[in-house]
Amino acid sequence: MLAIAAAALYFAPAIAQGRRLGREGDAVARLPSLLGLGGCLLHALFHVCASQIAGGFDLHFFAAMSLAALGVAALTSIIGLSKPIGTLDVVVYPFAAAFLLLYALARPEPVAVSLGWQIQLHAGLALLAYAVLSLAALVAVMLWLQERALRRRDFASALKLFPPLTLLESLLFKLIFAGFALLTLALLSGAVFVENLLAQHLVHKTVLSLLAWLVFGALLAGRVWYGWRGKRAVQLTMAAMLLLGLAFFGSKFVLELVLARNG
């Protein structure tokens, strides 16, 4: 019931914002964001209950996907309280609901997993970094779509469907900076707390995460030193997220669902 209630609270603001798109410009609507936060609260509560039933912190593939979606939805809701990002609501909330329901329906039999606080800290930082950078990738896509509309002189779409261009660009780099900092902490905590990388099948995750970290770092450096923006920023953001997605979920999919290992 918690999952269904959370999904309902997610879909309600998504539908409301979808109906508003193109009609009310860049007005900030707080009610959809508050409903989204309500969905996030129930979403988080569902995970707490699932962890109690399992007797430990659940980081199975579907659980990790759901937690990452929860992070993206929570960030979207918080930002939406002060900025006109209704287009993101239409995309983010349905995906959060879908991943939650998928986890509720497809999660494996409860297995007690005892993780020390160090590993929980590392996993939490990694998931939070992924959530922040995922939202940055969505903003990058919106930025690309708006710039393309402007180049095609489709001013109606550019002005009505998307937030202001300057807002998107500013938000993009703020999210990338925050996500980069969190990813740095996640990598450092992994280096300190995680042992036996080879035995735990974590080498590929580490290498791909480091490559993503390098790309995000290069983008931020290019932004500061050379003023990188626009198409280049979007391309580098998406390339880095592809690497990070493979590190986080590509490897988990293969290890847990294809090879049936607890990776």
Protein backbone atom coordinates (compact mmCIF):
# COMPACT_ATOMS: atom_id res chain seq x y z
CA MET A 1 0.00 0.00 0.00
CA LEU A 2 2.87 2.38 0.72
CA ALA A 3 4.25 1.91 -2.78
CA ILE A 4 0.85 2.53 -4.38
CA ALA A 5 0.23 5.63 -2.26
CA ALA A 6 3.69 6.98 -3.09
CA ALA A 7 3.13 6.33 -6.79
CA ALA A 8 -0.18 8.21 -6.63
CA LEU A 9 1.53 11.19 -5.02
CA TYR A 10 4.15 11.09 -7.76
CA PHE A 11 1.72 10.87 -10.66
CA ALA A 12 -0.57 13.64 -9.39
CA PRO A 13 2.00 16.47 -9.70
CA ALA A 14 3.38 15.02 -12.94
CA ILE A 15 -0.07 15.18 -14.52
CA ALA A 16 -0.74 18.64 -13.07
CA GLN A 17 2.56 20.01 -14.36
CA GLY A 18 2.02 18.36 -17.72
CA ARG A 19 -1.29 20.21 -18.09
CA ARG A 20 0.38 23.49 -17.11
CA LEU A 21 3.22 23.25 -19.63
CA GLY A 22 3.00 25.80 -22.36
CA ARG A 23 0.27 27.80 -20.62
CA GLU A 24 1.80 29.53 -17.60
CA GLY A 25 5.31 30.36 -18.70
CA ASP A 26 7.96 30.20 -16.03
CA ALA A 27 5.71 30.51 -12.97
CA VAL A 28 6.76 28.56 -9.90
CA ALA A 29 4.11 26.10 -8.67
CA ARG A 30 4.86 24.87 -5.15
CA LEU A 31 1.92 22.49 -4.70
CA PRO A 32 3.25 19.90 -7.20
CA SER A 33 6.62 19.98 -5.47
CA LEU A 34 4.98 19.50 -2.07
CA LEU A 35 3.02 16.53 -3.41
CA GLY A 36 6.24 15.18 -4.85
CA LEU A 37 7.90 15.51 -1.45
CA GLY A 38 5.00 13.57 0.03
CA GLY A 39 5.64 10.82 -2.51
CA CYS A 40 9.33 10.87 -1.59
CA LEU A 41 8.49 10.49 2.09
CA LEU A 42 6.34 7.41 1.46
CA HIS A 43 8.93 6.10 -0.98
CA ALA A 44 11.63 6.36 1.68
CA LEU A 45 9.35 4.79 4.29
CA PHE A 46 8.77 1.82 1.99
CA HIS A 47 12.53 1.24 1.82
CA VAL A 48 12.83 1.50 5.58
CA CYS A 49 10.14 -1.15 6.01
CA ALA A 50 11.74 -3.37 3.36
CA SER A 51 15.10 -3.14 5.11
CA GLN A 52 13.54 -4.07 8.44
CA ILE A 53 11.88 -7.10 6.87
CA ALA A 54 15.14 -8.15 5.22
CA GLY A 55 17.05 -7.61 8.43
CA GLY A 56 19.57 -5.32 6.78
CA PHE A 57 20.27 -2.64 4.20
CA ASP A 58 18.93 -3.74 0.80
CA LEU A 59 21.21 -2.84 -2.13
CA HIS A 60 19.91 -5.33 -4.66
CA PHE A 61 19.65 -4.10 -8.27
CA PHE A 62 15.98 -3.07 -8.04
CA ALA A 63 16.47 -1.52 -4.60
CA ALA A 64 19.41 0.56 -5.83
CA MET A 65 17.43 1.72 -8.86
CA SER A 66 14.52 2.72 -6.63
CA LEU A 67 16.77 4.55 -4.16
CA ALA A 68 18.49 6.47 -6.95
CA ALA A 69 15.07 7.44 -8.35
CA LEU A 70 14.04 8.54 -4.86
CA GLY A 71 17.08 10.80 -4.67
CA VAL A 72 16.36 12.36 -8.06
CA ALA A 73 12.69 12.92 -7.15
CA ALA A 74 13.59 14.49 -3.80
CA LEU A 75 16.08 16.87 -5.41
CA THR A 76 13.57 17.80 -8.10
CA SER A 77 10.93 18.54 -5.45
CA ILE A 78 13.26 20.70 -3.38
CA ILE A 79 14.48 22.68 -6.37
CA GLY A 80 10.92 23.03 -7.66
CA LEU A 81 9.88 24.89 -4.51
CA SER A 82 11.85 27.92 -5.68
CA LYS A 83 12.54 27.46 -9.40
CA PRO A 84 10.25 26.91 -12.40
CA ILE A 85 11.25 23.39 -13.45
CA GLY A 86 7.84 21.89 -14.15
CA THR A 87 9.15 20.05 -17.21
CA LEU A 88 11.41 18.01 -14.95
CA ASP A 89 8.45 17.05 -12.76
CA VAL A 90 6.72 15.52 -15.79
CA VAL A 91 9.73 13.28 -16.43
CA VAL A 92 11.13 12.56 -12.98
CA TYR A 93 8.04 11.68 -10.94
CA PRO A 94 6.65 8.97 -13.27
CA PHE A 95 10.06 7.32 -13.41
CA ALA A 96 10.35 7.44 -9.62
CA ALA A 97 6.92 5.82 -9.33
CA ALA A 98 7.81 3.18 -11.92
CA PHE A 99 11.08 2.21 -10.23
CA LEU A 100 9.40 2.05 -6.82
CA LEU A 101 6.62 -0.20 -8.11
CA LEU A 102 9.15 -2.36 -9.95
CA TYR A 103 11.10 -2.80 -6.73
CA ALA A 104 7.92 -3.58 -4.80
CA LEU A 105 6.93 -6.26 -7.32
CA ALA A 106 10.29 -7.71 -8.33
CA ARG A 107 12.46 -7.54 -5.22
CA PRO A 108 13.98 -10.89 -4.24
CA GLU A 109 13.23 -12.90 -1.12
CA PRO A 110 14.44 -11.05 2.01
CA VAL A 111 18.05 -11.95 2.82
CA ALA A 112 19.71 -10.58 5.93
CA VAL A 113 22.71 -8.44 4.95
CA SER A 114 24.77 -6.94 7.73
CA LEU A 115 26.79 -3.95 6.55
CA GLY A 116 29.08 -1.87 8.71
CA TRP A 117 28.51 1.84 8.96
CA GLN A 118 31.55 2.41 6.75
CA ILE A 119 30.07 0.49 3.83
CA GLN A 120 26.66 2.06 4.40
CA LEU A 121 28.29 5.50 4.30
CA HIS A 122 30.11 4.61 1.07
CA ALA A 123 26.94 3.23 -0.54
CA GLY A 124 24.89 6.23 0.58
CA LEU A 125 27.40 8.70 -0.86
CA ALA A 126 27.57 6.76 -4.11
CA LEU A 127 23.78 6.66 -4.53
CA LEU A 128 23.43 10.33 -3.64
CA ALA A 129 26.15 11.25 -6.14
CA TYR A 130 24.40 9.20 -8.81
CA ALA A 131 21.07 10.87 -8.05
CA VAL A 132 22.50 14.40 -8.25
CA LEU A 133 24.40 13.69 -11.46
CA SER A 134 21.38 11.93 -12.99
CA LEU A 135 19.36 15.07 -12.43
CA ALA A 136 22.19 17.06 -14.00
CA ALA A 137 21.97 14.80 -17.05
CA LEU A 138 18.23 15.47 -17.34
CA VAL A 139 18.87 19.20 -17.10
CA ALA A 140 21.55 18.82 -19.81
CA VAL A 141 18.99 17.17 -22.10
CA MET A 142 16.55 20.01 -21.46
CA LEU A 143 19.31 22.53 -22.19
CA TRP A 144 20.10 20.78 -25.47
CA LEU A 145 16.43 20.67 -26.50
CA GLN A 146 15.95 24.35 -25.71
CA GLU A 147 19.07 25.40 -27.61
CA ARG A 148 17.95 23.31 -30.59
CA ALA A 149 14.51 24.95 -30.51
CA LEU A 150 16.10 28.40 -30.43
CA ARG A 151 18.40 27.55 -33.35
CA ARG A 152 15.32 26.47 -35.31
CA ARG A 153 13.56 29.70 -34.27
CA ASP A 154 10.87 27.67 -32.53
CA PHE A 155 10.47 30.33 -29.87
CA ALA A 156 7.09 29.08 -28.68
CA SER A 157 8.52 25.73 -27.56
CA ALA A 158 11.67 27.25 -26.15
CA LEU A 159 9.84 29.80 -24.04
CA LYS A 160 6.77 27.83 -22.98
CA LEU A 161 7.98 24.27 -22.47
CA PHE A 162 11.34 24.91 -20.82
CA PRO A 163 12.71 27.04 -17.99
CA PRO A 164 14.87 30.04 -18.96
CA LEU A 165 18.12 29.10 -20.67
CA THR A 166 20.27 30.91 -18.10
CA LEU A 167 18.47 29.08 -15.27
CA LEU A 168 19.08 25.69 -16.87
CA GLU A 169 22.76 26.36 -17.48
CA SER A 170 23.30 27.65 -13.95
CA LEU A 171 21.42 24.70 -12.46
CA LEU A 172 23.37 22.24 -14.61
CA PHE A 173 26.77 23.31 -13.33
CA LYS A 174 25.61 23.62 -9.72
CA LEU A 175 24.36 20.03 -9.87
CA ILE A 176 27.53 18.80 -11.56
CA PHE A 177 29.69 20.51 -8.94
CA ALA A 178 27.66 19.02 -6.08
CA GLY A 179 27.58 15.59 -7.71
CA PHE A 180 31.31 15.70 -8.43
CA ALA A 181 32.03 16.50 -4.78
CA LEU A 182 29.81 13.62 -3.63
CA LEU A 183 31.36 11.24 -6.15
CA THR A 184 34.82 12.25 -4.91
CA LEU A 185 33.80 11.43 -1.34
CA ALA A 186 32.26 8.13 -2.47
CA LEU A 187 35.46 7.11 -4.26
CA LEU A 188 37.61 8.12 -1.30
CA SER A 189 35.41 6.26 1.16
CA GLY A 190 35.51 3.21 -1.10
CA ALA A 191 39.29 3.33 -1.23
CA VAL A 192 39.46 3.53 2.56
CA PHE A 193 36.66 1.18 3.63
CA VAL A 194 36.20 -1.39 0.85
CA GLU A 195 38.57 -4.35 0.96
CA ASN A 196 39.35 -7.14 -1.51
CA LEU A 197 38.21 -5.35 -4.64
CA LEU A 198 39.04 -8.34 -6.83
CA ALA A 199 37.15 -10.79 -4.63
CA GLN A 200 34.10 -8.54 -4.56
CA HIS A 201 33.98 -8.00 -8.33
CA LEU A 202 34.36 -4.26 -7.85
CA VAL A 203 37.28 -3.48 -10.14
CA HIS A 204 35.10 -2.69 -13.16
CA LYS A 205 32.85 -0.46 -11.02
CA THR A 206 35.85 1.44 -9.70
CA VAL A 207 37.45 1.92 -13.11
CA LEU A 208 34.24 3.15 -14.74
CA SER A 209 33.50 5.44 -11.79
CA LEU A 210 37.00 6.91 -11.98
CA LEU A 211 36.60 7.53 -15.70
CA ALA A 212 33.28 9.29 -15.05
CA TRP A 213 34.95 11.32 -12.28
CA LEU A 214 37.69 12.39 -14.69
CA VAL A 215 35.19 13.49 -17.34
CA PHE A 216 33.12 15.48 -14.85
CA GLY A 217 36.32 17.00 -13.46
CA ALA A 218 37.48 17.96 -16.95
CA LEU A 219 34.10 19.57 -17.64
CA LEU A 220 34.24 21.65 -14.46
CA ALA A 221 37.83 22.68 -15.17
CA GLY A 222 36.90 23.61 -18.73
CA ARG A 223 33.98 25.64 -17.42
CA VAL A 224 36.23 27.60 -15.06
CA TRP A 225 39.21 28.08 -17.37
CA TYR A 226 37.67 28.18 -20.83
CA GLY A 227 34.01 28.95 -20.24
CA TRP A 228 32.74 25.65 -21.65
CA ARG A 229 28.99 25.59 -22.07
CA GLY A 230 26.23 24.58 -24.47
CA LYS A 231 26.77 21.59 -26.73
CA ARG A 232 30.17 20.66 -25.28
CA ALA A 233 28.85 20.70 -21.72
CA VAL A 234 25.89 18.55 -22.70
CA GLN A 235 28.05 16.01 -24.56
CA LEU A 236 30.54 15.64 -21.71
CA THR A 237 27.76 15.37 -19.14
CA MET A 238 26.03 12.60 -21.05
CA ALA A 239 29.32 10.75 -21.70
CA ALA A 240 30.20 10.86 -18.00
CA MET A 241 26.71 9.69 -17.00
CA LEU A 242 26.95 6.79 -19.43
CA LEU A 243 30.15 5.68 -17.70
CA LEU A 244 28.63 6.18 -14.26
CA GLY A 245 25.46 4.33 -15.22
CA LEU A 246 27.51 1.37 -16.42
CA ALA A 247 29.52 1.47 -13.20
CA PHE A 248 26.50 1.60 -10.91
CA PHE A 249 23.83 -0.42 -12.65
CA GLY A 250 25.35 -2.08 -15.69
CA SER A 251 27.64 -4.15 -13.50
CA LYS A 252 24.89 -4.85 -10.94
CA PHE A 253 22.56 -6.03 -13.70
CA VAL A 254 25.12 -8.47 -15.06
CA LEU A 255 26.29 -9.75 -11.67
CA GLU A 256 22.93 -10.04 -9.93
CA LEU A 257 20.42 -10.77 -12.69
CA VAL A 258 22.48 -12.43 -15.41
CA LEU A 259 25.14 -14.26 -13.38
CA ALA A 260 23.00 -14.42 -10.22
CA ARG A 261 25.79 -13.21 -7.97
CA ASN A 262 25.44 -10.85 -5.04
CA GLY A 263 27.70 -8.10 -6.46
